[in-house]
Amino acid sequence: MVTIISGTNRPESNTLKVAKYYQKTLAEKGLQTRLFNLEDLPETLIASDLYGKRSPDFEHIQQLIASTTKFLFIIPEYNGSFPGVLKTFIDACNFPESFYDKKAALVGVSSGKYGNIRGIDHFGGVCSYLHLNVLPLRIHISAIKNELDENGNLFHADTLKFTDQQMDKFIAF
């Protein structure tokens, strides 16, 4: 199973729009995916699901993650890195069965001009520690507000070219 993770819990985020775009385009290419939005994490995650504790609200999320073989992370830039809620989510998941020796692709998004290069690099370090094998082609989408049309689709030719290339490589990965 393939799971796309929208890497922020910010409501109505551009990250979620990009995640939905990837899901739709991958389906057109014949790959069915599930989308997990970090907005759907339990509000009590920090108090109830870390350090070996497990709430019923998180158990179904843990089952989704454990049954996933490939992940696609869409990660916004927060303060020069990736969102703390994404790290908390990773910390709440069981180790090693959640991510160990599985595969992932990374997409960075930002409102600035670098497309979350540093955050994707930082998250790559976390992936290495988890033994999560990352597709070498990492995409960085800058000025995200100018990249999405009114329907939440990417439309710039160069962005379409590189995201399409990444999706093809991800399918084959």
N, C-alpha and C. Protein backbone atom coordinates (compact mmCIF):
# COMPACT_ATOMS: atom_id res chain seq x y z
N MET A 1 0.83 -1.17 0.00
CA MET A 1 0.00 0.00 0.00
C MET A 1 0.88 1.25 0.00
N VAL A 2 0.41 2.28 -0.68
CA VAL A 2 1.11 3.55 -0.76
C VAL A 2 0.30 4.61 -0.01
N THR A 3 0.97 5.36 0.84
CA THR A 3 0.31 6.41 1.61
C THR A 3 1.00 7.74 1.35
N ILE A 4 0.20 8.74 1.02
CA ILE A 4 0.69 10.11 0.88
C ILE A 4 0.42 10.81 2.20
N ILE A 5 1.44 11.46 2.74
CA ILE A 5 1.29 12.17 4.00
C ILE A 5 1.40 13.66 3.76
N SER A 6 0.32 14.37 4.09
CA SER A 6 0.31 15.83 4.05
C SER A 6 0.94 16.29 5.36
N GLY A 7 2.16 16.81 5.28
CA GLY A 7 3.03 17.00 6.44
C GLY A 7 2.78 18.20 7.33
N THR A 8 1.55 18.66 7.43
CA THR A 8 1.22 19.74 8.36
C THR A 8 -0.21 19.54 8.86
N ASN A 9 -0.48 20.09 10.01
CA ASN A 9 -1.85 20.07 10.52
C ASN A 9 -2.54 21.43 10.33
N ARG A 10 -1.95 22.28 9.53
CA ARG A 10 -2.55 23.58 9.24
C ARG A 10 -3.81 23.39 8.39
N PRO A 11 -4.94 23.95 8.83
CA PRO A 11 -6.18 23.80 8.04
C PRO A 11 -6.08 24.47 6.67
N GLU A 12 -6.66 23.82 5.66
CA GLU A 12 -6.75 24.35 4.30
C GLU A 12 -5.38 24.72 3.73
N SER A 13 -4.39 23.88 3.99
CA SER A 13 -3.02 24.20 3.59
C SER A 13 -2.77 23.92 2.11
N ASN A 14 -1.79 24.63 1.58
CA ASN A 14 -1.32 24.34 0.23
C ASN A 14 -0.65 22.97 0.17
N THR A 15 -0.11 22.54 1.29
CA THR A 15 0.49 21.22 1.38
C THR A 15 -0.55 20.15 1.06
N LEU A 16 -1.73 20.28 1.64
CA LEU A 16 -2.80 19.32 1.38
C LEU A 16 -3.24 19.39 -0.09
N LYS A 17 -3.27 20.58 -0.66
CA LYS A 17 -3.62 20.71 -2.08
C LYS A 17 -2.61 19.96 -2.96
N VAL A 18 -1.32 20.10 -2.64
CA VAL A 18 -0.30 19.39 -3.41
C VAL A 18 -0.44 17.88 -3.20
N ALA A 19 -0.71 17.46 -1.98
CA ALA A 19 -0.90 16.03 -1.70
C ALA A 19 -2.07 15.47 -2.52
N LYS A 20 -3.16 16.21 -2.59
CA LYS A 20 -4.31 15.76 -3.37
C LYS A 20 -3.99 15.75 -4.86
N TYR A 21 -3.19 16.71 -5.32
CA TYR A 21 -2.76 16.72 -6.72
C TYR A 21 -1.94 15.46 -7.02
N TYR A 22 -0.99 15.14 -6.16
CA TYR A 22 -0.19 13.93 -6.35
C TYR A 22 -1.08 12.69 -6.34
N GLN A 23 -2.03 12.63 -5.42
CA GLN A 23 -2.92 11.47 -5.34
C GLN A 23 -3.70 11.30 -6.64
N LYS A 24 -4.27 12.40 -7.14
CA LYS A 24 -5.05 12.35 -8.37
C LYS A 24 -4.18 11.95 -9.56
N THR A 25 -3.00 12.54 -9.67
CA THR A 25 -2.13 12.26 -10.81
C THR A 25 -1.58 10.84 -10.75
N LEU A 26 -1.23 10.36 -9.57
CA LEU A 26 -0.78 8.98 -9.44
C LEU A 26 -1.89 8.00 -9.81
N ALA A 27 -3.13 8.32 -9.46
CA ALA A 27 -4.27 7.47 -9.84
C ALA A 27 -4.41 7.42 -11.36
N GLU A 28 -4.22 8.56 -12.01
CA GLU A 28 -4.27 8.59 -13.48
C GLU A 28 -3.18 7.74 -14.10
N LYS A 29 -2.07 7.56 -13.36
CA LYS A 29 -0.96 6.73 -13.83
C LYS A 29 -1.14 5.27 -13.40
N GLY A 30 -2.24 4.97 -12.72
CA GLY A 30 -2.55 3.60 -12.34
C GLY A 30 -2.14 3.20 -10.94
N LEU A 31 -1.67 4.14 -10.11
CA LEU A 31 -1.27 3.83 -8.74
C LEU A 31 -2.29 4.39 -7.76
N GLN A 32 -2.99 3.52 -7.07
CA GLN A 32 -3.95 3.94 -6.05
C GLN A 32 -3.20 4.20 -4.75
N THR A 33 -3.56 5.27 -4.08
CA THR A 33 -2.89 5.66 -2.83
C THR A 33 -3.93 6.01 -1.79
N ARG A 34 -3.49 6.07 -0.55
CA ARG A 34 -4.31 6.62 0.52
C ARG A 34 -3.63 7.91 0.97
N LEU A 35 -4.45 8.86 1.36
CA LEU A 35 -3.95 10.15 1.81
C LEU A 35 -4.16 10.27 3.31
N PHE A 36 -3.09 10.55 4.03
CA PHE A 36 -3.21 10.83 5.46
C PHE A 36 -2.82 12.27 5.70
N ASN A 37 -3.76 13.03 6.23
CA ASN A 37 -3.59 14.44 6.52
C ASN A 37 -3.28 14.58 8.01
N LEU A 38 -2.19 15.24 8.35
CA LEU A 38 -1.85 15.39 9.76
C LEU A 38 -2.88 16.20 10.54
N GLU A 39 -3.81 16.86 9.86
CA GLU A 39 -4.94 17.48 10.55
C GLU A 39 -5.78 16.43 11.27
N ASP A 40 -5.69 15.18 10.83
CA ASP A 40 -6.49 14.10 11.41
C ASP A 40 -5.83 13.42 12.60
N LEU A 41 -4.69 13.93 13.04
CA LEU A 41 -4.08 13.39 14.25
C LEU A 41 -4.94 13.72 15.47
N PRO A 42 -4.95 12.85 16.47
CA PRO A 42 -5.70 13.17 17.69
C PRO A 42 -5.16 14.45 18.34
N GLU A 43 -6.05 15.27 18.83
CA GLU A 43 -5.63 16.51 19.49
C GLU A 43 -4.77 16.22 20.72
N THR A 44 -4.92 15.05 21.30
CA THR A 44 -4.17 14.69 22.51
C THR A 44 -2.90 13.90 22.21
N LEU A 45 -2.44 13.95 20.97
CA LEU A 45 -1.29 13.15 20.54
C LEU A 45 -0.11 13.23 21.50
N ILE A 46 0.27 14.42 21.89
CA ILE A 46 1.45 14.59 22.75
C ILE A 46 1.25 13.95 24.11
N ALA A 47 0.04 14.03 24.65
CA ALA A 47 -0.22 13.48 25.97
C ALA A 47 -0.56 11.99 25.93
N SER A 48 -1.11 11.51 24.80
CA SER A 48 -1.67 10.16 24.83
C SER A 48 -0.93 9.12 23.99
N ASP A 49 -0.06 9.51 23.07
CA ASP A 49 0.46 8.53 22.12
C ASP A 49 1.97 8.47 21.98
N LEU A 50 2.69 9.10 22.86
CA LEU A 50 4.14 9.03 22.81
C LEU A 50 4.68 8.09 23.88
N TYR A 51 5.89 7.61 23.67
CA TYR A 51 6.64 6.84 24.65
C TYR A 51 5.95 5.53 25.03
N GLY A 52 5.45 4.84 24.00
CA GLY A 52 4.89 3.52 24.23
C GLY A 52 3.42 3.50 24.59
N LYS A 53 2.83 4.66 24.82
CA LYS A 53 1.40 4.71 25.11
C LYS A 53 0.66 4.70 23.77
N ARG A 54 -0.57 4.22 23.76
CA ARG A 54 -1.33 4.20 22.51
C ARG A 54 -2.81 4.40 22.82
N SER A 55 -3.38 5.45 22.26
CA SER A 55 -4.80 5.71 22.43
C SER A 55 -5.58 5.03 21.31
N PRO A 56 -6.85 4.73 21.53
CA PRO A 56 -7.67 4.17 20.45
C PRO A 56 -7.74 5.11 19.24
N ASP A 57 -7.65 6.42 19.46
CA ASP A 57 -7.70 7.38 18.37
C ASP A 57 -6.48 7.28 17.45
N PHE A 58 -5.35 6.84 18.00
CA PHE A 58 -4.14 6.72 17.19
C PHE A 58 -3.95 5.31 16.62
N GLU A 59 -4.58 4.33 17.21
CA GLU A 59 -4.34 2.94 16.80
C GLU A 59 -4.65 2.70 15.32
N HIS A 60 -5.75 3.26 14.81
CA HIS A 60 -6.06 3.06 13.38
C HIS A 60 -5.03 3.75 12.48
N ILE A 61 -4.46 4.86 12.96
CA ILE A 61 -3.40 5.54 12.21
C ILE A 61 -2.15 4.66 12.20
N GLN A 62 -1.82 4.08 13.35
CA GLN A 62 -0.66 3.19 13.43
C GLN A 62 -0.84 2.00 12.49
N GLN A 63 -2.03 1.46 12.40
CA GLN A 63 -2.29 0.33 11.50
C GLN A 63 -2.08 0.74 10.04
N LEU A 64 -2.55 1.95 9.69
CA LEU A 64 -2.34 2.46 8.33
C LEU A 64 -0.85 2.56 8.01
N ILE A 65 -0.09 3.13 8.93
CA ILE A 65 1.34 3.32 8.71
C ILE A 65 2.07 1.98 8.64
N ALA A 66 1.73 1.06 9.53
CA ALA A 66 2.39 -0.25 9.54
C ALA A 66 2.11 -1.03 8.26
N SER A 67 0.94 -0.85 7.67
CA SER A 67 0.59 -1.59 6.45
C SER A 67 1.08 -0.90 5.17
N THR A 68 1.66 0.28 5.29
CA THR A 68 2.17 1.01 4.14
C THR A 68 3.56 0.50 3.77
N THR A 69 3.79 0.33 2.47
CA THR A 69 5.12 -0.08 1.99
C THR A 69 5.89 1.07 1.36
N LYS A 70 5.15 2.07 0.85
CA LYS A 70 5.77 3.26 0.24
C LYS A 70 5.03 4.51 0.71
N PHE A 71 5.82 5.52 1.06
CA PHE A 71 5.27 6.79 1.51
C PHE A 71 5.66 7.90 0.54
N LEU A 72 4.78 8.86 0.40
CA LEU A 72 5.10 10.10 -0.31
C LEU A 72 4.81 11.22 0.68
N PHE A 73 5.86 11.90 1.12
CA PHE A 73 5.72 12.99 2.09
C PHE A 73 5.70 14.32 1.36
N ILE A 74 4.65 15.10 1.58
CA ILE A 74 4.58 16.48 1.09
C ILE A 74 4.84 17.34 2.32
N ILE A 75 5.93 18.10 2.31
CA ILE A 75 6.41 18.75 3.53
C ILE A 75 6.61 20.25 3.32
N PRO A 76 5.85 21.06 4.06
CA PRO A 76 6.03 22.51 3.96
C PRO A 76 7.22 22.99 4.79
N GLU A 77 7.69 24.16 4.45
CA GLU A 77 8.77 24.77 5.23
C GLU A 77 8.18 25.50 6.43
N TYR A 78 8.67 25.14 7.60
CA TYR A 78 8.33 25.84 8.83
C TYR A 78 9.64 26.26 9.49
N ASN A 79 9.87 27.54 9.57
CA ASN A 79 11.05 28.07 10.26
C ASN A 79 12.35 27.44 9.77
N GLY A 80 12.49 27.30 8.46
CA GLY A 80 13.72 26.77 7.87
C GLY A 80 13.87 25.27 7.98
N SER A 81 12.81 24.56 8.31
CA SER A 81 12.89 23.11 8.41
C SER A 81 11.53 22.51 8.10
N PHE A 82 11.19 21.41 8.74
CA PHE A 82 9.88 20.80 8.54
C PHE A 82 9.04 20.97 9.80
N PRO A 83 7.73 20.81 9.72
CA PRO A 83 6.85 21.06 10.87
C PRO A 83 7.12 20.11 12.04
N GLY A 84 7.06 20.67 13.23
CA GLY A 84 7.22 19.87 14.44
C GLY A 84 6.16 18.79 14.57
N VAL A 85 4.97 19.04 14.06
CA VAL A 85 3.91 18.03 14.15
C VAL A 85 4.28 16.80 13.33
N LEU A 86 5.03 16.97 12.25
CA LEU A 86 5.47 15.82 11.46
C LEU A 86 6.46 14.98 12.27
N LYS A 87 7.38 15.62 12.97
CA LYS A 87 8.33 14.89 13.82
C LYS A 87 7.60 14.21 14.97
N THR A 88 6.63 14.87 15.56
CA THR A 88 5.86 14.27 16.64
C THR A 88 5.09 13.05 16.14
N PHE A 89 4.52 13.16 14.95
CA PHE A 89 3.83 12.03 14.34
C PHE A 89 4.79 10.85 14.16
N ILE A 90 5.97 11.11 13.61
CA ILE A 90 6.97 10.05 13.41
C ILE A 90 7.33 9.42 14.75
N ASP A 91 7.52 10.26 15.78
CA ASP A 91 7.88 9.77 17.11
C ASP A 91 6.78 8.91 17.72
N ALA A 92 5.53 9.21 17.40
CA ALA A 92 4.40 8.45 17.96
C ALA A 92 4.24 7.08 17.30
N CYS A 93 4.73 6.93 16.08
CA CYS A 93 4.60 5.65 15.37
C CYS A 93 5.55 4.61 15.95
N ASN A 94 5.13 3.36 15.93
CA ASN A 94 5.96 2.27 16.44
C ASN A 94 7.24 2.13 15.62
N PHE A 95 8.34 1.88 16.32
CA PHE A 95 9.61 1.63 15.67
C PHE A 95 10.02 0.20 15.99
N PRO A 96 10.46 -0.58 15.06
CA PRO A 96 10.86 -0.24 13.70
C PRO A 96 9.78 -0.49 12.63
N GLU A 97 8.69 -1.16 12.98
CA GLU A 97 7.77 -1.63 11.93
C GLU A 97 7.09 -0.54 11.12
N SER A 98 7.06 0.67 11.59
CA SER A 98 6.36 1.73 10.86
C SER A 98 7.09 2.14 9.59
N PHE A 99 8.40 2.29 9.66
CA PHE A 99 9.15 2.86 8.53
C PHE A 99 10.37 2.04 8.09
N TYR A 100 10.84 1.16 8.91
CA TYR A 100 12.10 0.44 8.68
C TYR A 100 12.08 -0.33 7.36
N ASP A 101 13.08 -0.07 6.51
CA ASP A 101 13.27 -0.73 5.22
C ASP A 101 12.11 -0.54 4.24
N LYS A 102 11.34 0.51 4.44
CA LYS A 102 10.29 0.86 3.49
C LYS A 102 10.82 1.95 2.57
N LYS A 103 10.00 2.43 1.65
CA LYS A 103 10.44 3.41 0.66
C LYS A 103 9.65 4.70 0.79
N ALA A 104 10.27 5.80 0.36
CA ALA A 104 9.62 7.10 0.45
C ALA A 104 10.12 8.04 -0.64
N ALA A 105 9.26 8.97 -1.01
CA ALA A 105 9.63 10.10 -1.86
C ALA A 105 9.31 11.36 -1.08
N LEU A 106 10.09 12.43 -1.33
CA LEU A 106 9.94 13.67 -0.59
C LEU A 106 9.67 14.83 -1.53
N VAL A 107 8.69 15.66 -1.16
CA VAL A 107 8.34 16.86 -1.90
C VAL A 107 8.31 18.01 -0.89
N GLY A 108 9.11 19.03 -1.15
CA GLY A 108 9.11 20.21 -0.30
C GLY A 108 8.30 21.33 -0.94
N VAL A 109 7.57 22.06 -0.12
CA VAL A 109 6.83 23.23 -0.60
C VAL A 109 7.11 24.40 0.33
N SER A 110 7.14 25.59 -0.28
CA SER A 110 7.32 26.79 0.54
C SER A 110 6.73 27.99 -0.18
N SER A 111 6.46 29.02 0.59
CA SER A 111 6.01 30.27 -0.02
C SER A 111 7.22 31.07 -0.50
N GLY A 112 8.40 30.74 0.01
CA GLY A 112 9.63 31.40 -0.41
C GLY A 112 10.20 30.80 -1.68
N LYS A 113 11.45 31.15 -1.97
CA LYS A 113 12.01 30.78 -3.26
C LYS A 113 12.84 29.50 -3.27
N TYR A 114 12.95 28.79 -2.16
CA TYR A 114 13.81 27.61 -2.15
C TYR A 114 13.07 26.28 -2.02
N GLY A 115 11.76 26.28 -1.88
CA GLY A 115 11.00 25.04 -1.89
C GLY A 115 11.31 24.08 -0.76
N ASN A 116 11.67 24.63 0.39
CA ASN A 116 11.97 23.84 1.59
C ASN A 116 13.17 22.90 1.39
N ILE A 117 14.20 23.38 0.78
CA ILE A 117 15.40 22.57 0.59
C ILE A 117 15.97 22.12 1.93
N ARG A 118 16.09 23.03 2.88
CA ARG A 118 16.67 22.66 4.18
C ARG A 118 15.78 21.69 4.94
N GLY A 119 14.47 21.92 4.92
CA GLY A 119 13.55 21.03 5.62
C GLY A 119 13.56 19.62 5.05
N ILE A 120 13.64 19.52 3.73
CA ILE A 120 13.70 18.21 3.09
C ILE A 120 15.03 17.53 3.44
N ASP A 121 16.11 18.31 3.49
CA ASP A 121 17.40 17.76 3.89
C ASP A 121 17.35 17.28 5.34
N HIS A 122 16.76 18.09 6.23
CA HIS A 122 16.63 17.69 7.64
C HIS A 122 15.79 16.42 7.76
N PHE A 123 14.67 16.37 7.02
CA PHE A 123 13.80 15.20 7.09
C PHE A 123 14.49 13.97 6.50
N GLY A 124 15.34 14.18 5.51
CA GLY A 124 16.13 13.08 4.96
C GLY A 124 17.01 12.44 6.02
N GLY A 125 17.54 13.25 6.94
CA GLY A 125 18.33 12.71 8.05
C GLY A 125 17.50 11.84 8.97
N VAL A 126 16.26 12.25 9.23
CA VAL A 126 15.34 11.44 10.04
C VAL A 126 15.06 10.13 9.31
N CYS A 127 14.82 10.21 8.00
CA CYS A 127 14.55 9.01 7.20
C CYS A 127 15.74 8.04 7.27
N SER A 128 16.94 8.56 7.19
CA SER A 128 18.13 7.70 7.28
C SER A 128 18.18 6.98 8.61
N TYR A 129 17.91 7.68 9.68
CA TYR A 129 17.91 7.06 11.00
C TYR A 129 16.87 5.95 11.09
N LEU A 130 15.71 6.17 10.47
CA LEU A 130 14.61 5.19 10.50
C LEU A 130 14.83 4.03 9.52
N HIS A 131 15.90 4.09 8.72
CA HIS A 131 16.14 3.12 7.64
C HIS A 131 15.02 3.17 6.61
N LEU A 132 14.50 4.36 6.37
CA LEU A 132 13.48 4.60 5.36
C LEU A 132 14.21 5.01 4.09
N ASN A 133 14.13 4.19 3.05
CA ASN A 133 14.87 4.40 1.81
C ASN A 133 14.19 5.48 0.97
N VAL A 134 14.91 6.55 0.69
CA VAL A 134 14.34 7.71 0.02
C VAL A 134 14.74 7.74 -1.46
N LEU A 135 13.74 7.96 -2.31
CA LEU A 135 13.97 8.15 -3.74
C LEU A 135 14.93 9.34 -3.92
N PRO A 136 15.99 9.17 -4.69
CA PRO A 136 16.96 10.27 -4.84
C PRO A 136 16.37 11.56 -5.41
N LEU A 137 15.36 11.46 -6.28
CA LEU A 137 14.79 12.68 -6.86
C LEU A 137 13.83 13.32 -5.86
N ARG A 138 14.30 14.39 -5.25
CA ARG A 138 13.48 15.15 -4.30
C ARG A 138 13.02 16.42 -5.00
N ILE A 139 11.76 16.74 -4.87
CA ILE A 139 11.19 17.91 -5.55
C ILE A 139 11.03 19.04 -4.54
N HIS A 140 11.35 20.26 -4.99
CA HIS A 140 11.23 21.46 -4.17
C HIS A 140 10.38 22.47 -4.94
N ILE A 141 9.16 22.71 -4.44
CA ILE A 141 8.26 23.63 -5.12
C ILE A 141 8.23 24.94 -4.34
N SER A 142 8.81 25.96 -4.94
CA SER A 142 8.86 27.28 -4.30
C SER A 142 7.67 28.13 -4.73
N ALA A 143 7.49 29.24 -4.04
CA ALA A 143 6.40 30.18 -4.35
C ALA A 143 5.09 29.42 -4.61
N ILE A 144 4.74 28.55 -3.68
CA ILE A 144 3.63 27.61 -3.88
C ILE A 144 2.31 28.32 -4.21
N LYS A 145 2.11 29.51 -3.70
CA LYS A 145 0.87 30.24 -4.00
C LYS A 145 0.74 30.56 -5.48
N ASN A 146 1.87 30.67 -6.17
CA ASN A 146 1.86 30.94 -7.62
C ASN A 146 1.87 29.66 -8.45
N GLU A 147 2.01 28.52 -7.81
CA GLU A 147 2.11 27.24 -8.53
C GLU A 147 0.77 26.52 -8.66
N LEU A 148 -0.20 26.88 -7.82
CA LEU A 148 -1.49 26.19 -7.81
C LEU A 148 -2.56 27.04 -8.48
N ASP A 149 -3.39 26.40 -9.31
CA ASP A 149 -4.52 27.12 -9.89
C ASP A 149 -5.70 27.09 -8.92
N GLU A 150 -6.84 27.65 -9.34
CA GLU A 150 -8.00 27.75 -8.46
C GLU A 150 -8.59 26.39 -8.09
N ASN A 151 -8.22 25.34 -8.83
CA ASN A 151 -8.69 23.98 -8.53
C ASN A 151 -7.68 23.15 -7.73
N GLY A 152 -6.59 23.79 -7.33
CA GLY A 152 -5.57 23.08 -6.56
C GLY A 152 -4.62 22.24 -7.40
N ASN A 153 -4.55 22.53 -8.69
CA ASN A 153 -3.66 21.79 -9.58
C ASN A 153 -2.40 22.58 -9.87
N LEU A 154 -1.29 21.88 -9.95
CA LEU A 154 -0.06 22.50 -10.43
C LEU A 154 -0.22 22.74 -11.92
N PHE A 155 0.35 23.84 -12.43
CA PHE A 155 0.14 24.13 -13.84
C PHE A 155 1.36 24.67 -14.58
N HIS A 156 2.40 25.06 -13.91
CA HIS A 156 3.60 25.56 -14.58
C HIS A 156 4.32 24.39 -15.26
N ALA A 157 4.73 24.60 -16.50
CA ALA A 157 5.30 23.52 -17.32
C ALA A 157 6.50 22.85 -16.65
N ASP A 158 7.42 23.64 -16.08
CA ASP A 158 8.61 23.02 -15.48
C ASP A 158 8.26 22.24 -14.22
N THR A 159 7.32 22.74 -13.44
CA THR A 159 6.89 22.02 -12.24
C THR A 159 6.20 20.71 -12.63
N LEU A 160 5.34 20.77 -13.64
CA LEU A 160 4.68 19.56 -14.12
C LEU A 160 5.69 18.54 -14.63
N LYS A 161 6.70 19.00 -15.33
CA LYS A 161 7.73 18.11 -15.87
C LYS A 161 8.43 17.35 -14.75
N PHE A 162 8.87 18.08 -13.71
CA PHE A 162 9.65 17.45 -12.65
C PHE A 162 8.78 16.62 -11.71
N THR A 163 7.58 17.08 -11.40
CA THR A 163 6.71 16.26 -10.55
C THR A 163 6.29 14.99 -11.28
N ASP A 164 6.03 15.09 -12.57
CA ASP A 164 5.68 13.92 -13.36
C ASP A 164 6.84 12.92 -13.39
N GLN A 165 8.03 13.43 -13.57
CA GLN A 165 9.22 12.57 -13.58
C GLN A 165 9.38 11.88 -12.22
N GLN A 166 9.18 12.63 -11.14
CA GLN A 166 9.29 12.03 -9.81
C GLN A 166 8.24 10.95 -9.61
N MET A 167 7.00 11.22 -10.03
CA MET A 167 5.94 10.22 -9.87
C MET A 167 6.25 8.95 -10.64
N ASP A 168 6.76 9.07 -11.86
CA ASP A 168 7.11 7.89 -12.63
C ASP A 168 8.21 7.08 -11.92
N LYS A 169 9.20 7.79 -11.40
CA LYS A 169 10.27 7.10 -10.68
C LYS A 169 9.75 6.48 -9.38
N PHE A 170 8.82 7.16 -8.72
CA PHE A 170 8.24 6.64 -7.48
C PHE A 170 7.46 5.36 -7.74
N ILE A 171 6.71 5.33 -8.82
CA ILE A 171 5.94 4.13 -9.18
C ILE A 171 6.91 2.95 -9.40
N ALA A 172 8.00 3.21 -10.08
CA ALA A 172 8.97 2.16 -10.38
C ALA A 172 9.88 1.79 -9.19
N PHE A 173 9.94 2.63 -8.19
CA PHE A 173 10.83 2.50 -7.02
C PHE A 173 10.47 1.29 -6.18
